[in-house]
C-alpha atoms as a PDB file:
ATOM      1  CA  MET A   1      88.040  98.745 146.539  1.00  0.00           C
ATOM      2  CA  SER A   2      88.632 100.485 143.287  1.00  0.00           C
ATOM      3  CA  ILE A   3      91.386 103.094 142.996  1.00  0.00           C
ATOM      4  CA  PRO A   4      90.317 106.893 142.968  1.00  0.00           C
ATOM      5  CA  THR A   5      88.984 108.218 139.789  1.00  0.00           C
ATOM      6  CA  ARG A   6      91.851 110.774 139.479  1.00  0.00           C
ATOM      7  CA  LEU A   7      94.332 107.727 139.301  1.00  0.00           C
ATOM      8  CA  LYS A   8      92.224 106.213 136.677  1.00  0.00           C
ATOM      9  CA  LEU A   9      92.489 109.436 134.394  1.00  0.00           C
ATOM     10  CA  ASP A  10      95.966 109.805 134.999  1.00  0.00           C
ATOM     11  CA  ILE A  11      96.677 106.037 134.021  1.00  0.00           C
ATOM     12  CA  ARG A  12      94.698 106.552 130.829  1.00  0.00           C
ATOM     13  CA  ASP A  13      96.434 109.764 129.918  1.00  0.00           C
ATOM     14  CA  GLN A  14     100.044 109.207 131.310  1.00  0.00           C
ATOM     15  CA  TRP A  15     100.500 105.303 131.218  1.00  0.00           C
ATOM     16  CA  THR A  16      98.516 103.586 128.575  1.00  0.00           C
ATOM     17  CA  LYS A  17      98.135 106.496 125.929  1.00  0.00           C
ATOM     18  CA  GLU A  18     100.091 105.705 123.060  1.00  0.00           C
ATOM     19  CA  ASP A  19     101.794 109.000 122.463  1.00  0.00           C
ATOM     20  CA  CYS A  20     102.469 109.613 126.188  1.00  0.00           C
ATOM     21  CA  GLU A  21     105.935 110.027 127.392  1.00  0.00           C
ATOM     22  CA  LEU A  22     106.323 106.536 128.999  1.00  0.00           C
ATOM     23  CA  GLN A  23     104.753 104.721 125.985  1.00  0.00           C
ATOM     24  CA  LEU A  24     107.349 106.385 123.833  1.00  0.00           C
ATOM     25  CA  ALA A  25     110.297 105.421 126.217  1.00  0.00           C
ATOM     26  CA  PHE A  26     108.991 101.957 125.895  1.00  0.00           C
ATOM     27  CA  LYS A  27     109.140 101.997 122.078  1.00  0.00           C
ATOM     28  CA  GLU A  28     112.919 103.161 122.273  1.00  0.00           C
ATOM     29  CA  ILE A  29     113.639 100.127 124.496  1.00  0.00           C
ATOM     30  CA  THR A  30     111.939  97.984 121.776  1.00  0.00           C
ATOM     31  CA  LYS A  31     113.928  99.311 119.073  1.00  0.00           C
ATOM     32  CA  VAL A  32     117.209  98.679 121.042  1.00  0.00           C
ATOM     33  CA  VAL A  33     116.463  95.016 122.193  1.00  0.00           C
ATOM     34  CA  GLY A  34     113.989  94.012 119.563  1.00  0.00           C
ATOM     35  CA  TYR A  35     111.220  92.979 121.994  1.00  0.00           C
ATOM     36  CA  ARG A  36     108.078  94.537 123.191  1.00  0.00           C
ATOM     37  CA  ILE A  37     107.263  95.640 126.674  1.00  0.00           C
ATOM     38  CA  SER A  38     104.964  94.230 129.067  1.00  0.00           C
ATOM     39  CA  CYS A  39     104.248  96.400 131.966  1.00  0.00           C
ATOM     40  CA  SER A  40     100.759  96.125 133.786  1.00  0.00           C
ATOM     41  CA  PRO A  41     101.169  97.294 137.349  1.00  0.00           C
ATOM     42  CA  ASP A  42      98.843  96.384 140.327  1.00  0.00           C
ATOM     43  CA  TRP A  43      97.752  99.699 140.907  1.00  0.00           C
ATOM     44  CA  HIS A  44      95.294  98.994 143.705  1.00  0.00           C
ATOM     45  CA  LEU A  45      98.244  97.383 145.635  1.00  0.00           C
ATOM     46  CA  LEU A  46     100.605 100.033 144.969  1.00  0.00           C
ATOM     47  CA  TRP A  47      97.973 102.907 145.900  1.00  0.00           C
ATOM     48  CA  THR A  48      97.213 100.954 149.141  1.00  0.00           C
ATOM     49  CA  GLU A  49     100.741 100.866 150.231  1.00  0.00           C
ATOM     50  CA  LEU A  50     101.826 104.391 149.259  1.00  0.00           C
ATOM     51  CA  LYS A  51      98.803 106.572 149.336  1.00  0.00           C
ATOM     52  CA  THR A  52      99.630 107.911 152.902  1.00  0.00           C
ATOM     53  CA  LEU A  53     102.797 109.303 151.179  1.00  0.00           C
ATOM     54  CA  PHE A  54     100.890 111.021 148.510  1.00  0.00           C
ATOM     55  CA  PRO A  55      98.279 113.326 150.217  1.00  0.00           C
ATOM     56  CA  ASP A  56      97.749 114.983 146.705  1.00  0.00           C
ATOM     57  CA  PRO A  57      96.550 111.914 144.525  1.00  0.00           C
ATOM     58  CA  GLY A  58      97.328 113.759 141.618  1.00  0.00           C
ATOM     59  CA  THR A  59     100.961 113.514 141.941  1.00  0.00           C
ATOM     60  CA  PHE A  60     101.003 109.648 142.388  1.00  0.00           C
ATOM     61  CA  ILE A  61     100.709 108.195 138.920  1.00  0.00           C
ATOM     62  CA  PRO A  62     102.970 111.036 137.511  1.00  0.00           C
ATOM     63  CA  ASN A  63     105.584 110.073 140.181  1.00  0.00           C
ATOM     64  CA  VAL A  64     105.468 106.425 139.288  1.00  0.00           C
ATOM     65  CA  ARG A  65     105.453 107.315 135.561  1.00  0.00           C
ATOM     66  CA  GLY A  66     108.637 109.514 136.201  1.00  0.00           C
ATOM     67  CA  ILE A  67     110.434 106.774 137.806  1.00  0.00           C
ATOM     68  CA  VAL A  68     109.612 104.173 135.043  1.00  0.00           C
ATOM     69  CA  VAL A  69     110.688 106.662 132.404  1.00  0.00           C
ATOM     70  CA  LEU A  70     113.914 107.495 133.944  1.00  0.00           C
ATOM     71  CA  TRP A  71     114.541 103.764 134.480  1.00  0.00           C
ATOM     72  CA  SER A  72     113.793 103.232 130.762  1.00  0.00           C
ATOM     73  CA  ARG A  73     116.169 105.923 129.597  1.00  0.00           C
ATOM     74  CA  THR A  74     118.858 104.584 131.986  1.00  0.00           C
ATOM     75  CA  LEU A  75     118.460 101.341 130.535  1.00  0.00           C
ATOM     76  CA  ILE A  76     118.677 102.111 127.107  1.00  0.00           C
ATOM     77  CA  ASP A  77     121.849 104.512 127.846  1.00  0.00           C
ATOM     78  CA  LEU A  78     123.462 101.329 129.760  1.00  0.00           C
ATOM     79  CA  LEU A  79     122.470  98.920 126.670  1.00  0.00           C
ATOM     80  CA  GLN A  80     124.168 101.340 124.226  1.00  0.00           C
ATOM     81  CA  ASP A  81     127.457 101.785 126.220  1.00  0.00           C
ATOM     82  CA  GLU A  82     130.311  99.634 124.757  1.00  0.00           C
ATOM     83  CA  GLN A  83     131.731  99.521 128.219  1.00  0.00           C
ATOM     84  CA  ASN A  84     128.610  97.469 129.307  1.00  0.00           C
ATOM     85  CA  GLU A  85     129.118  94.755 126.686  1.00  0.00           C
ATOM     86  CA  GLU A  86     129.194  91.696 129.007  1.00  0.00           C
ATOM     87  CA  TRP A  87     126.200  92.787 130.666  1.00  0.00           C
ATOM     88  CA  THR A  88     124.153  93.734 127.671  1.00  0.00           C
ATOM     89  CA  GLU A  89     124.685  90.129 126.477  1.00  0.00           C
ATOM     90  CA  GLN A  90     123.283  88.872 129.718  1.00  0.00           C
ATOM     91  CA  VAL A  91     120.380  91.079 129.446  1.00  0.00           C
ATOM     92  CA  LEU A  92     119.734  89.978 125.899  1.00  0.00           C
ATOM     93  CA  GLU A  93     120.037  86.445 126.911  1.00  0.00           C
ATOM     94  CA  GLU A  94     117.686  86.597 129.656  1.00  0.00           C
ATOM     95  CA  LEU A  95     115.114  88.461 127.440  1.00  0.00           C
ATOM     96  CA  SER A  96     115.212  86.055 124.640  1.00  0.00           C
ATOM     97  CA  LYS A  97     113.891  83.335 126.889  1.00  0.00           C
ATOM     98  CA  THR A  98     110.436  85.184 126.889  1.00  0.00           C
ATOM     99  CA  GLN A  99     111.123  87.357 124.050  1.00  0.00           C
ATOM    100  CA  PHE A 100     109.423  90.243 125.975  1.00  0.00           C
ATOM    101  CA  VAL A 101     110.773  92.942 128.304  1.00  0.00           C
ATOM    102  CA  LYS A 102     108.840  92.271 131.330  1.00  0.00           C
ATOM    103  CA  ILE A 103     108.799  95.103 133.869  1.00  0.00           C
ATOM    104  CA  HIS A 104     107.086  94.592 137.155  1.00  0.00           C
ATOM    105  CA  LEU A 105     106.516  97.143 140.104  1.00  0.00           C
ATOM    106  CA  GLU A 106     106.524  96.668 143.669  1.00  0.00           C
ATOM    107  CA  VAL A 107     106.949  98.925 146.865  1.00  0.00           C
ATOM    108  CA  GLY A 108     110.565  98.564 148.214  1.00  0.00           C
ATOM    109  CA  SER A 109     111.949  99.324 151.608  1.00  0.00           C
ATOM    110  CA  GLY A 110     114.325 101.971 150.588  1.00  0.00           C
ATOM    111  CA  GLU A 111     114.335 105.813 150.179  1.00  0.00           C
ATOM    112  CA  LEU A 112     115.182 105.564 146.426  1.00  0.00           C
ATOM    113  CA  PRO A 113     114.137 103.216 143.669  1.00  0.00           C
ATOM    114  CA  GLY A 114     115.820  99.858 143.284  1.00  0.00           C
ATOM    115  CA  THR A 115     115.818  97.112 140.492  1.00  0.00           C
ATOM    116  CA  ARG A 116     116.205  93.498 140.600  1.00  0.00           C
ATOM    117  CA  TRP A 117     115.930  90.623 138.114  1.00  0.00           C
ATOM    118  CA  THR A 118     113.532  87.777 139.064  1.00  0.00           C
ATOM    119  CA  ASP A 119     114.222  84.440 137.423  1.00  0.00           C
ATOM    120  CA  ASP A 120     110.912  83.019 138.170  1.00  0.00           C
ATOM    121  CA  SER A 121     109.047  85.594 136.183  1.00  0.00           C
ATOM    122  CA  ALA A 122     112.090  86.632 133.889  1.00  0.00           C
ATOM    123  CA  ALA A 123     111.342  90.009 134.624  1.00  0.00           C
ATOM    124  CA  PHE A 124     112.864  93.279 135.817  1.00  0.00           C
ATOM    125  CA  MET A 125     111.247  94.203 139.043  1.00  0.00           C
ATOM    126  CA  ILE A 126     111.477  98.070 139.870  1.00  0.00           C
ATOM    127  CA  THR A 127     111.073  98.678 143.495  1.00  0.00           C
ATOM    128  CA  LEU A 128     109.345 102.019 144.280  1.00  0.00           C
ATOM    129  CA  PRO A 129     110.848 103.978 147.162  1.00  0.00           C
ATOM    130  CA  LYS A 130     108.816 103.859 150.526  1.00  0.00           C
ATOM    131  CA  SER A 131     108.708 107.544 150.472  1.00  0.00           C
ATOM    132  CA  GLY A 132     107.021 110.503 148.636  1.00  0.00           C
ATOM    133  CA  PRO A 133     107.862 112.248 145.550  1.00  0.00           C
ATOM    134  CA  LYS A 134     111.750 112.401 144.847  1.00  0.00           C
ATOM    135  CA  ILE A 135     114.183 114.492 143.035  1.00  0.00           C
ATOM    136  CA  PRO A 136     114.897 113.250 139.654  1.00  0.00           C
ATOM    137  CA  SER A 137     118.446 113.581 140.223  1.00  0.00           C
ATOM    138  CA  ASP A 138     118.259 111.390 143.110  1.00  0.00           C
ATOM    139  CA  ILE A 139     116.465 108.482 141.087  1.00  0.00           C
ATOM    140  CA  VAL A 140     118.990 108.695 138.012  1.00  0.00           C
ATOM    141  CA  ASN A 141     121.666 108.194 140.424  1.00  0.00           C
ATOM    142  CA  SER A 142     120.206 105.231 142.074  1.00  0.00           C
ATOM    143  CA  ILE A 143     118.828 103.377 138.739  1.00  0.00           C
ATOM    144  CA  GLY A 144     122.021 102.680 136.958  1.00  0.00           C
ATOM    145  CA  PRO A 145     124.079 101.002 139.671  1.00  0.00           C
ATOM    146  CA  ALA A 146     120.953  99.064 140.329  1.00  0.00           C
ATOM    147  CA  LEU A 147     120.501  97.913 136.950  1.00  0.00           C
ATOM    148  CA  LEU A 148     124.122  96.815 136.367  1.00  0.00           C
ATOM    149  CA  ASP A 149     123.745  94.714 139.773  1.00  0.00           C
ATOM    150  CA  CYS A 150     120.382  93.325 139.135  1.00  0.00           C
ATOM    151  CA  PHE A 151     121.768  89.935 137.835  1.00  0.00           C
ATOM    152  CA  LYS A 152     123.990  89.439 140.824  1.00  0.00           C
ATOM    153  CA  THR A 153     122.885  86.468 142.980  1.00  0.00           C
ATOM    154  CA  THR A 154     123.016  88.686 146.278  1.00  0.00           C
ATOM    155  CA  ASN A 155     120.934  91.656 146.206  1.00  0.00           C
ATOM    156  CA  THR A 156     120.391  93.093 149.631  1.00  0.00           C
ATOM    157  CA  ASP A 157     118.831  96.452 148.410  1.00  0.00           C
ATOM    158  CA  ASN A 158     115.264  95.338 149.493  1.00  0.00           C
ATOM    159  CA  LEU A 159     115.911  92.663 152.183  1.00  0.00           C
ATOM    160  CA  PRO A 160     114.777  93.492 155.907  1.00  0.00           C
ATOM    161  CA  ALA A 161     117.778  94.721 157.777  1.00  0.00           C
ATOM    162  CA  GLU A 162     117.511  91.792 160.142  1.00  0.00           C
ATOM    163  CA  ARG A 163     118.576  89.505 157.494  1.00  0.00           C
ATOM    164  CA  LEU A 164     121.823  91.286 156.486  1.00  0.00           C
ATOM    165  CA  PHE A 165     123.822  90.416 159.501  1.00  0.00           C
ATOM    166  CA  PRO A 166     124.035  87.362 161.696  1.00  0.00           C
ATOM    167  CA  ASP A 167     121.715  87.433 164.981  1.00  0.00           C
ATOM    168  CA  ASP A 168     124.750  86.781 167.197  1.00  0.00           C
ATOM    169  CA  SER A 169     127.641  89.008 166.194  1.00  0.00           C
ATOM    170  CA  TRP A 170     129.556  91.383 168.208  1.00  0.00           C
ATOM    171  CA  SER A 171     130.368  93.139 165.068  1.00  0.00           C
ATOM    172  CA  ASP A 172     126.949  94.483 164.807  1.00  0.00           C
ATOM    173  CA  ILE A 173     127.065  96.703 168.108  1.00  0.00           C
ATOM    174  CA  GLY A 174     128.428 100.140 167.807  1.00  0.00           C
ATOM    175  CA  VAL A 175     129.008 103.003 170.285  1.00  0.00           C
ATOM    176  CA  ASP A 176     128.580 106.628 169.642  1.00  0.00           C
ATOM    177  CA  SER A 177     131.851 108.355 170.878  1.00  0.00           C
ATOM    178  CA  THR A 178     130.230 111.541 171.535  1.00  0.00           C
ATOM    179  CA  SER A 179     126.934 110.402 173.394  1.00  0.00           C
ATOM    180  CA  GLY A 180     127.879 106.819 174.717  1.00  0.00           C
ATOM    181  CA  HIS A 181     124.763 105.552 172.973  1.00  0.00           C
ATOM    182  CA  ILE A 182     125.006 101.895 172.034  1.00  0.00           C
ATOM    183  CA  SER A 183     123.299 100.703 168.851  1.00  0.00           C
ATOM    184  CA  THR A 184     123.367  97.747 166.727  1.00  0.00           C
ATOM    185  CA  ARG A 185     123.984  97.853 163.022  1.00  0.00           C
ATOM    186  CA  VAL A 186     120.287  96.949 162.409  1.00  0.00           C
ATOM    187  CA  GLU A 187     119.264 100.114 164.394  1.00  0.00           C
ATOM    188  CA  GLN A 188     121.722 102.193 162.314  1.00  0.00           C
ATOM    189  CA  MET A 189     120.421 100.842 159.063  1.00  0.00           C
ATOM    190  CA  ARG A 190     116.892 102.191 160.098  1.00  0.00           C
ATOM    191  CA  LEU A 191     118.050 105.696 161.015  1.00  0.00           C
ATOM    192  CA  PRO A 192     116.609 108.450 158.791  1.00  0.00           C
ATOM    193  CA  ALA A 193     118.624 109.673 155.849  1.00  0.00           C
ATOM    194  CA  THR A 194     121.264 112.368 156.493  1.00  0.00           C
ATOM    195  CA  THR A 195     120.615 115.909 155.382  1.00  0.00           C
ATOM    196  CA  SER A 196     123.055 115.628 152.953  1.00  0.00           C
ATOM    197  CA  MET A 197     120.796 113.356 150.864  1.00  0.00           C
ATOM    198  CA  ALA A 198     118.057 115.685 151.338  1.00  0.00           C
ATOM    199  CA  HIS A 199     120.042 118.704 149.868  1.00  0.00           C
ATOM    200  CA  SER A 200     121.980 116.787 147.221  1.00  0.00           C
ATOM    201  CA  ALA A 201     122.507 118.682 143.836  1.00  0.00           C
ATOM    202  CA  VAL A 202     119.772 118.998 141.420  1.00  0.00           C
ATOM    203  CA  THR A 203     120.864 118.292 138.115  1.00  0.00           C
ATOM    204  CA  ILE A 204     117.583 117.511 136.383  1.00  0.00           C
ATOM    205  CA  LEU A 205     114.566 119.833 136.359  1.00  0.00           C
ATOM    206  CA  PRO A 206     111.503 118.111 137.753  1.00  0.00           C
ATOM    207  CA  ASP A 207     108.297 117.461 135.803  1.00  0.00           C
ATOM    208  CA  ILE A 208     105.665 119.953 137.438  1.00  0.00           C
ATOM    209  CA  ASN A 209     102.966 117.178 137.213  1.00  0.00           C
ATOM    210  CA  THR A 210     105.213 115.089 139.838  1.00  0.00           C
ATOM    211  CA  MET A 211     105.496 117.886 142.313  1.00  0.00           C
ATOM    212  CA  GLU A 212     103.308 118.449 145.258  1.00  0.00           C
ATOM    213  CA  ARG A 213     100.901 121.259 145.637  1.00  0.00           C
ATOM    214  CA  PRO A 214     102.557 124.381 147.250  1.00  0.00           C
ATOM    215  CA  GLU A 215     100.864 123.813 150.615  1.00  0.00           C
ATOM    216  CA  TYR A 216     102.494 120.376 150.876  1.00  0.00           C
ATOM    217  CA  LEU A 217     105.979 121.609 149.661  1.00  0.00           C
ATOM    218  CA  MET A 218     105.821 124.506 152.214  1.00  0.00           C
ATOM    219  CA  LEU A 219     105.761 122.002 155.090  1.00  0.00           C
ATOM    220  CA  LYS A 220     109.235 120.534 153.921  1.00  0.00           C
ATOM    221  CA  PRO A 221     112.614 122.178 155.064  1.00  0.00           C
ATOM    222  CA  PRO A 222     114.416 124.161 154.585  1.00  0.00           C
ATOM    223  CA  TYR A 223     112.072 126.812 156.250  1.00  0.00           C
ATOM    224  CA  HIS A 224     112.900 130.582 155.670  1.00  0.00           C
ATOM    225  CA  LEU A 225     111.614 133.386 157.768  1.00  0.00           C
ATOM    226  CA  THR A 226     112.200 137.260 157.806  1.00  0.00           C
ATOM    227  CA  ILE A 227     111.360 140.065 160.184  1.00  0.00           C
ATOM    228  CA  SER A 228     111.230 143.549 159.052  1.00  0.00           C
ATOM    229  CA  GLY A 229     110.371 146.765 160.307  1.00  0.00           C
ATOM    230  CA  ASN A 230     110.690 148.793 163.715  1.00  0.00           C
ATOM    231  CA  SER A 231     109.102 151.401 165.824  1.00  0.00           C
ATOM    232  CA  SER A 232     109.665 154.099 163.323  1.00  0.00           C
ATOM    233  CA  HIS A 233     107.989 152.195 160.651  1.00  0.00           C
ATOM    234  CA  GLY A 234     104.936 151.745 162.888  1.00  0.00           C
ATOM    235  CA  MET A 235     104.698 148.017 161.702  1.00  0.00           C
ATOM    236  CA  ILE A 236     106.737 144.739 161.835  1.00  0.00           C
ATOM    237  CA  VAL A 237     106.200 142.383 158.984  1.00  0.00           C
ATOM    238  CA  ILE A 238     107.146 138.520 159.537  1.00  0.00           C
ATOM    239  CA  GLN A 239     107.230 136.579 156.254  1.00  0.00           C
ATOM    240  CA  CYS A 240     107.803 132.904 156.395  1.00  0.00           C
ATOM    241  CA  SER A 241     107.834 129.955 153.707  1.00  0.00           C
ATOM    242  CA  HIS A 242     106.344 127.498 156.568  1.00  0.00           C
ATOM    243  CA  PRO A 243     102.797 128.553 157.280  1.00  0.00           C
ATOM    244  CA  PRO A 244     102.368 126.630 160.719  1.00  0.00           C
ATOM    245  CA  THR A 245     105.281 128.820 162.066  1.00  0.00           C
ATOM    246  CA  LEU A 246     103.543 131.896 161.426  1.00  0.00           C
ATOM    247  CA  LYS A 247     100.272 130.329 163.074  1.00  0.00           C
ATOM    248  CA  VAL A 248     102.314 129.621 166.249  1.00  0.00           C
ATOM    249  CA  ILE A 249     103.675 133.252 166.414  1.00  0.00           C
ATOM    250  CA  GLU A 250     100.110 134.797 165.539  1.00  0.00           C
ATOM    251  CA  ALA A 251      98.592 132.513 168.270  1.00  0.00           C
ATOM    252  CA  TYR A 252     101.325 133.351 170.803  1.00  0.00           C
ATOM    253  CA  LEU A 253     101.418 137.079 170.377  1.00  0.00           C
ATOM    254  CA  LYS A 254      97.602 137.179 170.247  1.00  0.00           C
ATOM    255  CA  LYS A 255      97.577 135.343 173.824  1.00  0.00           C
ATOM    256  CA  TRP A 256      99.861 137.715 175.530  1.00  0.00           C
ATOM    257  CA  THR A 257      99.075 141.097 173.952  1.00  0.00           C
ATOM    258  CA  LYS A 258      97.916 143.566 176.391  1.00  0.00           C
ATOM    259  CA  ARG A 259      94.973 145.623 176.309  1.00  0.00           C
ATOM    260  CA  GLU A 260      94.891 149.417 175.295  1.00  0.00           C
ATOM    261  CA  PHE A 261      93.575 150.974 178.397  1.00  0.00           C
ATOM    262  CA  ASN A 262      93.588 154.458 176.997  1.00  0.00           C
ATOM    263  CA  ASN A 263      90.855 153.329 174.680  1.00  0.00           C
ATOM    264  CA  VAL A 264      87.373 153.085 176.164  1.00  0.00           C
ATOM    265  CA  HIS A 265      86.921 149.698 174.247  1.00  0.00           C
ATOM    266  CA  GLN A 266      90.236 148.403 175.548  1.00  0.00           C
ATOM    267  CA  PRO A 267      91.041 146.529 172.224  1.00  0.00           C
ATOM    268  CA  PRO A 268      94.271 144.560 171.963  1.00  0.00           C
ATOM    269  CA  ALA A 269      97.232 146.933 171.900  1.00  0.00           C
ATOM    270  CA  ALA A 270      98.575 145.164 168.657  1.00  0.00           C
ATOM    271  CA  LEU A 271      96.587 144.391 165.601  1.00  0.00           C
ATOM    272  CA  LEU A 272      97.634 140.997 164.182  1.00  0.00           C
ATOM    273  CA  SER A 273      96.910 140.330 160.730  1.00  0.00           C
ATOM    274  CA  LEU A 274      97.801 137.084 158.688  1.00  0.00           C
ATOM    275  CA  LYS A 275      97.942 137.597 154.987  1.00  0.00           C
ATOM    276  CA  GLU A 276      96.901 134.796 152.482  1.00  0.00           C
ATOM    277  CA  SER A 277      99.427 133.431 149.956  1.00  0.00           C
ATOM    278  CA  HIS A 278      98.460 133.544 146.179  1.00  0.00           C
ATOM    279  CA  LEU A 279      99.626 129.925 145.837  1.00  0.00           C
ATOM    280  CA  GLY A 280      97.951 126.532 146.450  1.00  0.00           C
ATOM    281  CA  LEU A 281      94.306 125.603 147.271  1.00  0.00           C
ATOM    282  CA  GLY A 282      92.502 126.930 150.382  1.00  0.00           C
ATOM    283  CA  ALA A 283      93.906 129.459 152.981  1.00  0.00           C
ATOM    284  CA  ILE A 284      97.773 129.538 153.156  1.00  0.00           C
ATOM    285  CA  TYR A 285      99.441 132.157 155.045  1.00  0.00           C
ATOM    286  CA  ASN A 286     102.821 133.519 154.335  1.00  0.00           C
ATOM    287  CA  THR A 287     102.811 136.890 155.974  1.00  0.00           C
ATOM    288  CA  LEU A 288     102.098 138.309 159.528  1.00  0.00           C
ATOM    289  CA  GLN A 289     101.511 142.058 159.852  1.00  0.00           C
ATOM    290  CA  ILE A 290     101.726 143.429 163.342  1.00  0.00           C
ATOM    291  CA  LYS A 291     101.091 147.237 164.282  1.00  0.00           C
ATOM    292  CA  LEU A 292     100.016 149.122 167.365  1.00  0.00           C
ATOM    293  CA  GLN A 293      96.466 150.721 167.688  1.00  0.00           C
ATOM    294  CA  GLU A 294      96.429 154.512 166.851  1.00  0.00           C
ATOM    295  CA  ARG A 295      97.780 156.764 169.781  1.00  0.00           C
ATOM    296  CA  SER A 296      99.076 153.818 171.614  1.00  0.00           C
ATOM    297  CA  SER A 297     101.004 154.074 174.676  1.00  0.00           C
ATOM    298  CA  TYR A 298     103.150 151.140 173.814  1.00  0.00           C
ATOM    299  CA  VAL A 299     106.297 150.897 171.854  1.00  0.00           C
ATOM    300  CA  LEU A 300     106.569 148.217 168.959  1.00  0.00           C
ATOM    301  CA  THR A 301     109.971 146.529 168.627  1.00  0.00           C
ATOM    302  CA  PRO A 302     111.045 143.524 166.896  1.00  0.00           C
ATOM    303  CA  THR A 303     113.731 142.400 169.417  1.00  0.00           C
ATOM    304  CA  PHE A 304     111.621 139.805 171.244  1.00  0.00           C
ATOM    305  CA  LEU A 305     110.414 138.407 167.874  1.00  0.00           C
ATOM    306  CA  VAL A 306     114.059 138.125 166.977  1.00  0.00           C
ATOM    307  CA  SER A 307     114.912 136.206 169.926  1.00  0.00           C
ATOM    308  CA  PHE A 308     111.479 134.118 169.975  1.00  0.00           C
ATOM    309  CA  VAL A 309     112.207 132.811 166.496  1.00  0.00           C
ATOM    310  CA  GLN A 310     115.671 131.454 167.374  1.00  0.00           C
ATOM    311  CA  SER A 311     115.437 130.319 170.930  1.00  0.00           C
ATOM    312  CA  ILE A 312     111.891 128.785 170.933  1.00  0.00           C
ATOM    313  CA  LEU A 313     111.287 127.905 167.145  1.00  0.00           C
ATOM    314  CA  GLY A 314     114.990 126.810 166.485  1.00  0.00           C
ATOM    315  CA  TYR A 315     115.534 128.940 163.297  1.00  0.00           C
ATOM    316  CA  GLY A 316     119.228 130.157 162.872  1.00  0.00           C
ATOM    317  CA  MET A 317     119.885 133.725 161.874  1.00  0.00           C
ATOM    318  CA  THR A 318     121.542 134.019 158.210  1.00  0.00           C
ATOM    319  CA  TYR A 319     121.637 137.647 157.783  1.00  0.00           C
ATOM    320  CA  GLU A 320     121.186 141.050 159.883  1.00  0.00           C
ATOM    321  CA  GLU A 321     121.123 144.570 158.637  1.00  0.00           C
ATOM    322  CA  SER A 322     119.551 147.508 160.249  1.00  0.00           C
ATOM    323  CA  SER A 323     115.941 146.746 160.651  1.00  0.00           C
ATOM    324  CA  TYR A 324     116.118 143.385 158.774  1.00  0.00           C
ATOM    325  CA  TRP A 325     116.682 139.922 159.670  1.00  0.00           C
ATOM    326  CA  SER A 326     116.808 136.701 157.921  1.00  0.00           C
ATOM    327  CA  PHE A 327     116.543 132.963 159.417  1.00  0.00           C
ATOM    328  CA  ARG A 328     116.605 129.478 158.166  1.00  0.00           C
ATOM    329  CA  LYS A 329     115.707 126.011 159.655  1.00  0.00           C
ATOM    330  CA  ASP A 330     116.941 122.844 158.033  1.00  0.00           C
ATOM    331  CA  THR A 331     115.348 120.329 160.200  1.00  0.00           C
ATOM    332  CA  ALA A 332     111.690 119.584 159.680  1.00  0.00           C
ATOM    333  CA  PHE A 333     109.152 120.001 162.532  1.00  0.00           C
ATOM    334  CA  ASP A 334     107.495 117.070 163.701  1.00  0.00           C
ATOM    335  CA  MET A 335     103.672 117.930 162.829  1.00  0.00           C
ATOM    336  CA  ARG A 336     101.999 114.905 164.294  1.00  0.00           C
END
């Protein structure tokens, strides 16, 4: 099975083209070490393993390219740093055996890129993260230490968790003092990354070509929601960065809105109107407007919505003033 045409075009324009950013980075490595670069990834294998993490295929090659570019620049900086003289000598010694800088790519098991040296093929093995697009700052922070450790005989970055500890060891067992839950160190290693990683400081501006489309970014926390308006305004407006949240609110209100019995046609007492965002592809909603029918006998108030957003949807209030409320949710919804 061949890879999608979009990937083929991106490989041509962003990987093999002589004046593309990656090839220019490779040329800089050659200037420093004196050897040409050899890097021909198995795109079919990489795409097969990672395609579920890239719903927008147009971000796949840019992300892989971005990782390798940052890796190349980090390698150059380390080689030119006098404090790494011993490590630099080892790099040059290994490269002299083939007189090439061989770079191979594979999919690792971690959330961030890794690097190891393979003696069999005399090549740097860059392990791509088993995750979607990453923040450049996180990538850079992981590449340097991995490169400096790549020649060490024991490199556990990409080993299965079961192989890191002996099978029969009481030291592998831990107890959560708050919940009483008993777990092994293998289980603890498999736990998802903490929120501190998700909100790590961004020190490098991302390449827009590596970023997912707005409709995918909107599904990632933190989510922000605001409610404004009251009965005197005649309308309540809910805005949210997470479109599915708005769809749930709209569907719930539509289900439980009373009929306007003073009207011969008995329409719904409240008019619910989802407003489409100007971003992304397709219908993406970022605003829900709620207003009563003309001459309605009911009163429109935001109090239930303020409670609903917190108690049912799990948003936390961050600001309140007069007829305006702001909320935030830092944990992702399970969209399965």
